[in-house]
Amino acid sequence: MTVYIGNLSYDVTEDDLNSVFSEYGSIKRVKLPVDRETGKRRGFGFVEMESPDHETTAIEELDGAEWMGRTLRVNKAKPRTERKPFDRR
């Protein structure tokens, strides 16, 4: 079960997310994507939780919450879709 967290502060670390989401249940993995070119965080992340119940509780409690000066958007992560290669003609 994976949760998407949007509108994150660029200062957030994986440890920060782990700390907040662990209040709602066991966590398998935390991921903060970075921009390929700049290496900077992109303002969103993913938390994979052990249980669907924990995931639901975290979403209900944290969606719209204020954290680190930002209003969080928290929901179920959508499956990643294959992107077509960029045609540079």
PDB file of N, CA and C in Angstrom:
ATOM      1  N   MET A   1       0.830  -1.160   0.000  1.00  0.00           N
ATOM      2  CA  MET A   1       0.000   0.000   0.000  1.00  0.00           C
ATOM      3  C   MET A   1       0.889   1.243   0.000  1.00  0.00           C
ATOM      4  N   THR A   2       0.677   2.109  -0.961  1.00  0.00           N
ATOM      5  CA  THR A   2       1.515   3.291  -1.084  1.00  0.00           C
ATOM      6  C   THR A   2       0.677   4.561  -1.033  1.00  0.00           C
ATOM      7  N   VAL A   3       1.187   5.535  -0.284  1.00  0.00           N
ATOM      8  CA  VAL A   3       0.536   6.827  -0.106  1.00  0.00           C
ATOM      9  C   VAL A   3       1.363   7.886  -0.829  1.00  0.00           C
ATOM     10  N   TYR A   4       0.679   8.762  -1.562  1.00  0.00           N
ATOM     11  CA  TYR A   4       1.317   9.894  -2.224  1.00  0.00           C
ATOM     12  C   TYR A   4       1.185  11.109  -1.307  1.00  0.00           C
ATOM     13  N   ILE A   5       2.268  11.857  -1.121  1.00  0.00           N
ATOM     14  CA  ILE A   5       2.237  13.077  -0.326  1.00  0.00           C
ATOM     15  C   ILE A   5       2.716  14.209  -1.209  1.00  0.00           C
ATOM     16  N   GLY A   6       1.846  15.163  -1.482  1.00  0.00           N
ATOM     17  CA  GLY A   6       2.183  16.297  -2.328  1.00  0.00           C
ATOM     18  C   GLY A   6       2.269  17.591  -1.542  1.00  0.00           C
ATOM     19  N   ASN A   7       2.862  18.594  -2.174  1.00  0.00           N
ATOM     20  CA  ASN A   7       3.051  19.929  -1.604  1.00  0.00           C
ATOM     21  C   ASN A   7       3.970  19.902  -0.389  1.00  0.00           C
ATOM     22  N   LEU A   8       4.996  19.047  -0.461  1.00  0.00           N
ATOM     23  CA  LEU A   8       5.974  18.959   0.624  1.00  0.00           C
ATOM     24  C   LEU A   8       6.972  20.106   0.539  1.00  0.00           C
ATOM     25  N   SER A   9       7.471  20.495   1.683  1.00  0.00           N
ATOM     26  CA  SER A   9       8.577  21.440   1.736  1.00  0.00           C
ATOM     27  C   SER A   9       9.792  20.774   1.087  1.00  0.00           C
ATOM     28  N   TYR A  10      10.606  21.569   0.415  1.00  0.00           N
ATOM     29  CA  TYR A  10      11.801  21.015  -0.219  1.00  0.00           C
ATOM     30  C   TYR A  10      12.864  20.627   0.809  1.00  0.00           C
ATOM     31  N   ASP A  11      12.640  20.998   2.064  1.00  0.00           N
ATOM     32  CA  ASP A  11      13.573  20.660   3.144  1.00  0.00           C
ATOM     33  C   ASP A  11      13.247  19.328   3.816  1.00  0.00           C
ATOM     34  N   VAL A  12      12.118  18.717   3.479  1.00  0.00           N
ATOM     35  CA  VAL A  12      11.703  17.458   4.098  1.00  0.00           C
ATOM     36  C   VAL A  12      12.684  16.348   3.741  1.00  0.00           C
ATOM     37  N   THR A  13      12.976  15.506   4.730  1.00  0.00           N
ATOM     38  CA  THR A  13      13.844  14.343   4.515  1.00  0.00           C
ATOM     39  C   THR A  13      13.017  13.065   4.634  1.00  0.00           C
ATOM     40  N   GLU A  14      13.598  11.961   4.215  1.00  0.00           N
ATOM     41  CA  GLU A  14      12.922  10.671   4.367  1.00  0.00           C
ATOM     42  C   GLU A  14      12.689  10.366   5.839  1.00  0.00           C
ATOM     43  N   ASP A  15      13.627  10.756   6.703  1.00  0.00           N
ATOM     44  CA  ASP A  15      13.453  10.551   8.144  1.00  0.00           C
ATOM     45  C   ASP A  15      12.260  11.342   8.678  1.00  0.00           C
ATOM     46  N   ASP A  16      12.065  12.572   8.168  1.00  0.00           N
ATOM     47  CA  ASP A  16      10.918  13.379   8.584  1.00  0.00           C
ATOM     48  C   ASP A  16       9.606  12.659   8.257  1.00  0.00           C
ATOM     49  N   LEU A  17       9.491  12.186   7.013  1.00  0.00           N
ATOM     50  CA  LEU A  17       8.267  11.484   6.598  1.00  0.00           C
ATOM     51  C   LEU A  17       8.077  10.201   7.398  1.00  0.00           C
ATOM     52  N   ASN A  18       9.159   9.491   7.610  1.00  0.00           N
ATOM     53  CA  ASN A  18       9.097   8.253   8.391  1.00  0.00           C
ATOM     54  C   ASN A  18       8.564   8.536   9.788  1.00  0.00           C
ATOM     55  N   SER A  19       9.033   9.603  10.388  1.00  0.00           N
ATOM     56  CA  SER A  19       8.609   9.969  11.738  1.00  0.00           C
ATOM     57  C   SER A  19       7.116  10.293  11.788  1.00  0.00           C
ATOM     58  N   VAL A  20       6.632  11.072  10.837  1.00  0.00           N
ATOM     59  CA  VAL A  20       5.217  11.463  10.828  1.00  0.00           C
ATOM     60  C   VAL A  20       4.318  10.264  10.534  1.00  0.00           C
ATOM     61  N   PHE A  21       4.631   9.498   9.507  1.00  0.00           N
ATOM     62  CA  PHE A  21       3.748   8.402   9.103  1.00  0.00           C
ATOM     63  C   PHE A  21       3.820   7.203  10.037  1.00  0.00           C
ATOM     64  N   SER A  22       4.909   7.036  10.767  1.00  0.00           N
ATOM     65  CA  SER A  22       5.007   5.902  11.690  1.00  0.00           C
ATOM     66  C   SER A  22       4.003   6.028  12.837  1.00  0.00           C
ATOM     67  N   GLU A  23       3.467   7.232  13.053  1.00  0.00           N
ATOM     68  CA  GLU A  23       2.423   7.404  14.062  1.00  0.00           C
ATOM     69  C   GLU A  23       1.135   6.687  13.663  1.00  0.00           C
ATOM     70  N   TYR A  24       0.998   6.350  12.379  1.00  0.00           N
ATOM     71  CA  TYR A  24      -0.225   5.735  11.872  1.00  0.00           C
ATOM     72  C   TYR A  24      -0.061   4.258  11.535  1.00  0.00           C
ATOM     73  N   GLY A  25       1.142   3.714  11.692  1.00  0.00           N
ATOM     74  CA  GLY A  25       1.355   2.299  11.433  1.00  0.00           C
ATOM     75  C   GLY A  25       2.748   2.017  10.924  1.00  0.00           C
ATOM     76  N   SER A  26       2.990   0.745  10.640  1.00  0.00           N
ATOM     77  CA  SER A  26       4.304   0.292  10.190  1.00  0.00           C
ATOM     78  C   SER A  26       4.582   0.738   8.763  1.00  0.00           C
ATOM     79  N   ILE A  27       5.811   1.122   8.521  1.00  0.00           N
ATOM     80  CA  ILE A  27       6.224   1.621   7.215  1.00  0.00           C
ATOM     81  C   ILE A  27       7.224   0.661   6.585  1.00  0.00           C
ATOM     82  N   LYS A  28       7.021   0.364   5.311  1.00  0.00           N
ATOM     83  CA  LYS A  28       7.960  -0.468   4.558  1.00  0.00           C
ATOM     84  C   LYS A  28       9.063   0.376   3.935  1.00  0.00           C
ATOM     85  N   ARG A  29       8.644   1.520   3.318  1.00  0.00           N
ATOM     86  CA  ARG A  29       9.616   2.307   2.562  1.00  0.00           C
ATOM     87  C   ARG A  29       9.135   3.734   2.404  1.00  0.00           C
ATOM     88  N   VAL A  30      10.096   4.661   2.345  1.00  0.00           N
ATOM     89  CA  VAL A  30       9.826   6.071   2.089  1.00  0.00           C
ATOM     90  C   VAL A  30      10.671   6.486   0.896  1.00  0.00           C
ATOM     91  N   LYS A  31      10.068   7.237  -0.033  1.00  0.00           N
ATOM     92  CA  LYS A  31      10.783   7.659  -1.243  1.00  0.00           C
ATOM     93  C   LYS A  31      10.504   9.123  -1.516  1.00  0.00           C
ATOM     94  N   LEU A  32      11.573   9.923  -1.665  1.00  0.00           N
ATOM     95  CA  LEU A  32      11.468  11.327  -2.055  1.00  0.00           C
ATOM     96  C   LEU A  32      12.187  11.490  -3.390  1.00  0.00           C
ATOM     97  N   PRO A  33      11.454  11.539  -4.495  1.00  0.00           N
ATOM     98  CA  PRO A  33      12.090  11.680  -5.805  1.00  0.00           C
ATOM     99  C   PRO A  33      12.864  12.996  -5.925  1.00  0.00           C
ATOM    100  N   VAL A  34      13.949  12.932  -6.681  1.00  0.00           N
ATOM    101  CA  VAL A  34      14.751  14.128  -6.943  1.00  0.00           C
ATOM    102  C   VAL A  34      14.801  14.382  -8.447  1.00  0.00           C
ATOM    103  N   ASP A  35      14.979  15.633  -8.799  1.00  0.00           N
ATOM    104  CA  ASP A  35      15.105  16.024 -10.197  1.00  0.00           C
ATOM    105  C   ASP A  35      16.411  15.463 -10.765  1.00  0.00           C
ATOM    106  N   ARG A  36      16.343  14.860 -11.929  1.00  0.00           N
ATOM    107  CA  ARG A  36      17.536  14.246 -12.541  1.00  0.00           C
ATOM    108  C   ARG A  36      18.627  15.251 -12.840  1.00  0.00           C
ATOM    109  N   GLU A  37      18.238  16.445 -13.242  1.00  0.00           N
ATOM    110  CA  GLU A  37      19.220  17.442 -13.655  1.00  0.00           C
ATOM    111  C   GLU A  37      19.811  18.218 -12.486  1.00  0.00           C
ATOM    112  N   THR A  38      18.965  18.599 -11.530  1.00  0.00           N
ATOM    113  CA  THR A  38      19.445  19.441 -10.433  1.00  0.00           C
ATOM    114  C   THR A  38      19.779  18.666  -9.165  1.00  0.00           C
ATOM    115  N   GLY A  39      19.210  17.471  -9.015  1.00  0.00           N
ATOM    116  CA  GLY A  39      19.422  16.685  -7.805  1.00  0.00           C
ATOM    117  C   GLY A  39      18.607  17.177  -6.614  1.00  0.00           C
ATOM    118  N   LYS A  40      17.735  18.167  -6.844  1.00  0.00           N
ATOM    119  CA  LYS A  40      16.914  18.706  -5.764  1.00  0.00           C
ATOM    120  C   LYS A  40      15.613  17.929  -5.636  1.00  0.00           C
ATOM    121  N   ARG A  41      15.075  17.919  -4.422  1.00  0.00           N
ATOM    122  CA  ARG A  41      13.792  17.245  -4.198  1.00  0.00           C
ATOM    123  C   ARG A  41      12.703  17.938  -4.991  1.00  0.00           C
ATOM    124  N   ARG A  42      11.668  17.174  -5.354  1.00  0.00           N
ATOM    125  CA  ARG A  42      10.634  17.677  -6.263  1.00  0.00           C
ATOM    126  C   ARG A  42       9.356  18.121  -5.572  1.00  0.00           C
ATOM    127  N   GLY A  43       9.300  18.071  -4.243  1.00  0.00           N
ATOM    128  CA  GLY A  43       8.134  18.576  -3.525  1.00  0.00           C
ATOM    129  C   GLY A  43       7.026  17.559  -3.322  1.00  0.00           C
ATOM    130  N   PHE A  44       7.334  16.285  -3.579  1.00  0.00           N
ATOM    131  CA  PHE A  44       6.363  15.234  -3.296  1.00  0.00           C
ATOM    132  C   PHE A  44       7.111  13.976  -2.902  1.00  0.00           C
ATOM    133  N   GLY A  45       6.384  13.014  -2.333  1.00  0.00           N
ATOM    134  CA  GLY A  45       7.018  11.774  -1.911  1.00  0.00           C
ATOM    135  C   GLY A  45       6.006  10.655  -1.812  1.00  0.00           C
ATOM    136  N   PHE A  46       6.538   9.485  -1.462  1.00  0.00           N
ATOM    137  CA  PHE A  46       5.710   8.288  -1.332  1.00  0.00           C
ATOM    138  C   PHE A  46       6.090   7.559  -0.057  1.00  0.00           C
ATOM    139  N   VAL A  47       5.073   7.037   0.627  1.00  0.00           N
ATOM    140  CA  VAL A  47       5.298   6.213   1.806  1.00  0.00           C
ATOM    141  C   VAL A  47       4.551   4.912   1.581  1.00  0.00           C
ATOM    142  N   GLU A  48       5.270   3.810   1.650  1.00  0.00           N
ATOM    143  CA  GLU A  48       4.649   2.492   1.513  1.00  0.00           C
ATOM    144  C   GLU A  48       4.417   1.940   2.915  1.00  0.00           C
ATOM    145  N   MET A  49       3.135   1.660   3.209  1.00  0.00           N
ATOM    146  CA  MET A  49       2.768   1.188   4.538  1.00  0.00           C
ATOM    147  C   MET A  49       2.437  -0.294   4.506  1.00  0.00           C
ATOM    148  N   GLU A  50       2.541  -0.921   5.668  1.00  0.00           N
ATOM    149  CA  GLU A  50       2.315  -2.362   5.794  1.00  0.00           C
ATOM    150  C   GLU A  50       0.853  -2.761   5.638  1.00  0.00           C
ATOM    151  N   SER A  51      -0.065  -1.906   6.087  1.00  0.00           N
ATOM    152  CA  SER A  51      -1.469  -2.291   6.148  1.00  0.00           C
ATOM    153  C   SER A  51      -2.370  -1.272   5.450  1.00  0.00           C
ATOM    154  N   PRO A  52      -3.386  -1.748   4.724  1.00  0.00           N
ATOM    155  CA  PRO A  52      -4.352  -0.833   4.116  1.00  0.00           C
ATOM    156  C   PRO A  52      -5.083   0.025   5.156  1.00  0.00           C
ATOM    157  N   ASP A  53      -5.322  -0.540   6.340  1.00  0.00           N
ATOM    158  CA  ASP A  53      -5.991   0.223   7.400  1.00  0.00           C
ATOM    159  C   ASP A  53      -5.122   1.392   7.859  1.00  0.00           C
ATOM    160  N   HIS A  54      -3.827   1.145   7.998  1.00  0.00           N
ATOM    161  CA  HIS A  54      -2.906   2.209   8.409  1.00  0.00           C
ATOM    162  C   HIS A  54      -2.819   3.276   7.321  1.00  0.00           C
ATOM    163  N   GLU A  55      -2.815   2.832   6.084  1.00  0.00           N
ATOM    164  CA  GLU A  55      -2.776   3.763   4.959  1.00  0.00           C
ATOM    165  C   GLU A  55      -4.000   4.677   4.975  1.00  0.00           C
ATOM    166  N   THR A  56      -5.174   4.096   5.153  1.00  0.00           N
ATOM    167  CA  THR A  56      -6.421   4.863   5.172  1.00  0.00           C
ATOM    168  C   THR A  56      -6.434   5.875   6.313  1.00  0.00           C
ATOM    169  N   THR A  57      -6.001   5.439   7.479  1.00  0.00           N
ATOM    170  CA  THR A  57      -5.956   6.338   8.636  1.00  0.00           C
ATOM    171  C   THR A  57      -5.000   7.498   8.388  1.00  0.00           C
ATOM    172  N   ALA A  58      -3.824   7.220   7.848  1.00  0.00           N
ATOM    173  CA  ALA A  58      -2.842   8.277   7.562  1.00  0.00           C
ATOM    174  C   ALA A  58      -3.399   9.281   6.551  1.00  0.00           C
ATOM    175  N   ILE A  59      -4.056   8.785   5.516  1.00  0.00           N
ATOM    176  CA  ILE A  59      -4.641   9.672   4.506  1.00  0.00           C
ATOM    177  C   ILE A  59      -5.705  10.564   5.136  1.00  0.00           C
ATOM    178  N   GLU A  60      -6.603   9.966   5.913  1.00  0.00           N
ATOM    179  CA  GLU A  60      -7.684  10.729   6.537  1.00  0.00           C
ATOM    180  C   GLU A  60      -7.149  11.786   7.492  1.00  0.00           C
ATOM    181  N   GLU A  61      -6.109  11.460   8.244  1.00  0.00           N
ATOM    182  CA  GLU A  61      -5.584  12.377   9.256  1.00  0.00           C
ATOM    183  C   GLU A  61      -4.679  13.461   8.663  1.00  0.00           C
ATOM    184  N   LEU A  62      -3.943  13.139   7.608  1.00  0.00           N
ATOM    185  CA  LEU A  62      -2.920  14.063   7.125  1.00  0.00           C
ATOM    186  C   LEU A  62      -3.303  14.874   5.890  1.00  0.00           C
ATOM    187  N   ASP A  63      -4.314  14.445   5.132  1.00  0.00           N
ATOM    188  CA  ASP A  63      -4.705  15.221   3.957  1.00  0.00           C
ATOM    189  C   ASP A  63      -5.248  16.572   4.402  1.00  0.00           C
ATOM    190  N   GLY A  64      -4.638  17.633   3.925  1.00  0.00           N
ATOM    191  CA  GLY A  64      -5.046  18.983   4.292  1.00  0.00           C
ATOM    192  C   GLY A  64      -4.368  19.523   5.539  1.00  0.00           C
ATOM    193  N   ALA A  65      -3.535  18.691   6.180  1.00  0.00           N
ATOM    194  CA  ALA A  65      -2.841  19.133   7.396  1.00  0.00           C
ATOM    195  C   ALA A  65      -1.725  20.119   7.047  1.00  0.00           C
ATOM    196  N   GLU A  66      -1.464  21.019   7.949  1.00  0.00           N
ATOM    197  CA  GLU A  66      -0.376  21.988   7.804  1.00  0.00           C
ATOM    198  C   GLU A  66       0.887  21.359   8.397  1.00  0.00           C
ATOM    199  N   TRP A  67       1.974  21.333   7.618  1.00  0.00           N
ATOM    200  CA  TRP A  67       3.235  20.754   8.097  1.00  0.00           C
ATOM    201  C   TRP A  67       4.400  21.455   7.416  1.00  0.00           C
ATOM    202  N   MET A  68       5.302  21.970   8.208  1.00  0.00           N
ATOM    203  CA  MET A  68       6.489  22.675   7.723  1.00  0.00           C
ATOM    204  C   MET A  68       6.104  23.837   6.796  1.00  0.00           C
ATOM    205  N   GLY A  69       5.025  24.534   7.171  1.00  0.00           N
ATOM    206  CA  GLY A  69       4.589  25.702   6.412  1.00  0.00           C
ATOM    207  C   GLY A  69       3.831  25.401   5.133  1.00  0.00           C
ATOM    208  N   ARG A  70       3.447  24.160   4.923  1.00  0.00           N
ATOM    209  CA  ARG A  70       2.726  23.766   3.706  1.00  0.00           C
ATOM    210  C   ARG A  70       1.465  22.991   4.072  1.00  0.00           C
ATOM    211  N   THR A  71       0.447  23.078   3.213  1.00  0.00           N
ATOM    212  CA  THR A  71      -0.763  22.271   3.370  1.00  0.00           C
ATOM    213  C   THR A  71      -0.578  21.003   2.548  1.00  0.00           C
ATOM    214  N   LEU A  72      -0.535  19.870   3.232  1.00  0.00           N
ATOM    215  CA  LEU A  72      -0.258  18.593   2.565  1.00  0.00           C
ATOM    216  C   LEU A  72      -1.439  18.102   1.742  1.00  0.00           C
ATOM    217  N   ARG A  73      -1.123  17.448   0.633  1.00  0.00           N
ATOM    218  CA  ARG A  73      -2.100  16.685  -0.146  1.00  0.00           C
ATOM    219  C   ARG A  73      -1.685  15.234  -0.001  1.00  0.00           C
ATOM    220  N   VAL A  74      -2.539  14.441   0.594  1.00  0.00           N
ATOM    221  CA  VAL A  74      -2.208  13.042   0.872  1.00  0.00           C
ATOM    222  C   VAL A  74      -3.324  12.167   0.325  1.00  0.00           C
ATOM    223  N   ASN A  75      -2.961  11.195  -0.534  1.00  0.00           N
ATOM    224  CA  ASN A  75      -3.946  10.256  -1.069  1.00  0.00           C
ATOM    225  C   ASN A  75      -3.253   8.985  -1.520  1.00  0.00           C
ATOM    226  N   LYS A  76      -4.066   8.018  -1.944  1.00  0.00           N
ATOM    227  CA  LYS A  76      -3.499   6.766  -2.456  1.00  0.00           C
ATOM    228  C   LYS A  76      -2.696   7.057  -3.712  1.00  0.00           C
ATOM    229  N   ALA A  77      -1.528   6.459  -3.793  1.00  0.00           N
ATOM    230  CA  ALA A  77      -0.706   6.647  -4.986  1.00  0.00           C
ATOM    231  C   ALA A  77      -1.325   5.891  -6.148  1.00  0.00           C
ATOM    232  N   LYS A  78      -1.287   6.518  -7.310  1.00  0.00           N
ATOM    233  CA  LYS A  78      -1.774   5.868  -8.521  1.00  0.00           C
ATOM    234  C   LYS A  78      -0.641   5.056  -9.126  1.00  0.00           C
ATOM    235  N   PRO A  79      -0.970   3.959  -9.804  1.00  0.00           N
ATOM    236  CA  PRO A  79       0.085   3.169 -10.433  1.00  0.00           C
ATOM    237  C   PRO A  79       0.844   4.007 -11.469  1.00  0.00           C
ATOM    238  N   ARG A  80       2.125   3.786 -11.532  1.00  0.00           N
ATOM    239  CA  ARG A  80       2.950   4.521 -12.485  1.00  0.00           C
ATOM    240  C   ARG A  80       2.642   4.031 -13.895  1.00  0.00           C
ATOM    241  N   THR A  81       2.474   4.962 -14.815  1.00  0.00           N
ATOM    242  CA  THR A  81       2.200   4.594 -16.199  1.00  0.00           C
ATOM    243  C   THR A  81       3.476   4.721 -17.016  1.00  0.00           C
ATOM    244  N   GLU A  82       3.568   3.909 -18.018  1.00  0.00           N
ATOM    245  CA  GLU A  82       4.723   3.977 -18.922  1.00  0.00           C
ATOM    246  C   GLU A  82       4.664   5.253 -19.723  1.00  0.00           C
ATOM    247  N   ARG A  83       5.773   5.961 -19.775  1.00  0.00           N
ATOM    248  CA  ARG A  83       5.828   7.178 -20.581  1.00  0.00           C
ATOM    249  C   ARG A  83       6.468   6.851 -21.916  1.00  0.00           C
ATOM    250  N   LYS A  84       5.941   7.485 -22.945  1.00  0.00           N
ATOM    251  CA  LYS A  84       6.501   7.287 -24.276  1.00  0.00           C
ATOM    252  C   LYS A  84       7.815   8.045 -24.373  1.00  0.00           C
ATOM    253  N   PRO A  85       8.773   7.498 -25.102  1.00  0.00           N
ATOM    254  CA  PRO A  85      10.043   8.222 -25.271  1.00  0.00           C
ATOM    255  C   PRO A  85       9.807   9.563 -25.959  1.00  0.00           C
ATOM    256  N   PHE A  86      10.593  10.547 -25.566  1.00  0.00           N
ATOM    257  CA  PHE A  86      10.500  11.884 -26.142  1.00  0.00           C
ATOM    258  C   PHE A  86      11.097  11.875 -27.539  1.00  0.00           C
ATOM    259  N   ASP A  87      10.352  12.361 -28.512  1.00  0.00           N
ATOM    260  CA  ASP A  87      10.823  12.429 -29.903  1.00  0.00           C
ATOM    261  C   ASP A  87      11.472  13.781 -30.131  1.00  0.00           C
ATOM    262  N   ARG A  88      12.787  13.796 -30.339  1.00  0.00           N
ATOM    263  CA  ARG A  88      13.536  15.059 -30.468  1.00  0.00           C
ATOM    264  C   ARG A  88      13.746  15.482 -31.910  1.00  0.00           C
ATOM    265  N   ARG A  89      12.739  15.399 -32.709  1.00  0.00           N
ATOM    266  CA  ARG A  89      12.891  15.822 -34.116  1.00  0.00           C
ATOM    267  C   ARG A  89      12.912  17.288 -34.276  1.00  0.00           C
TER     268      ARG A  89
END
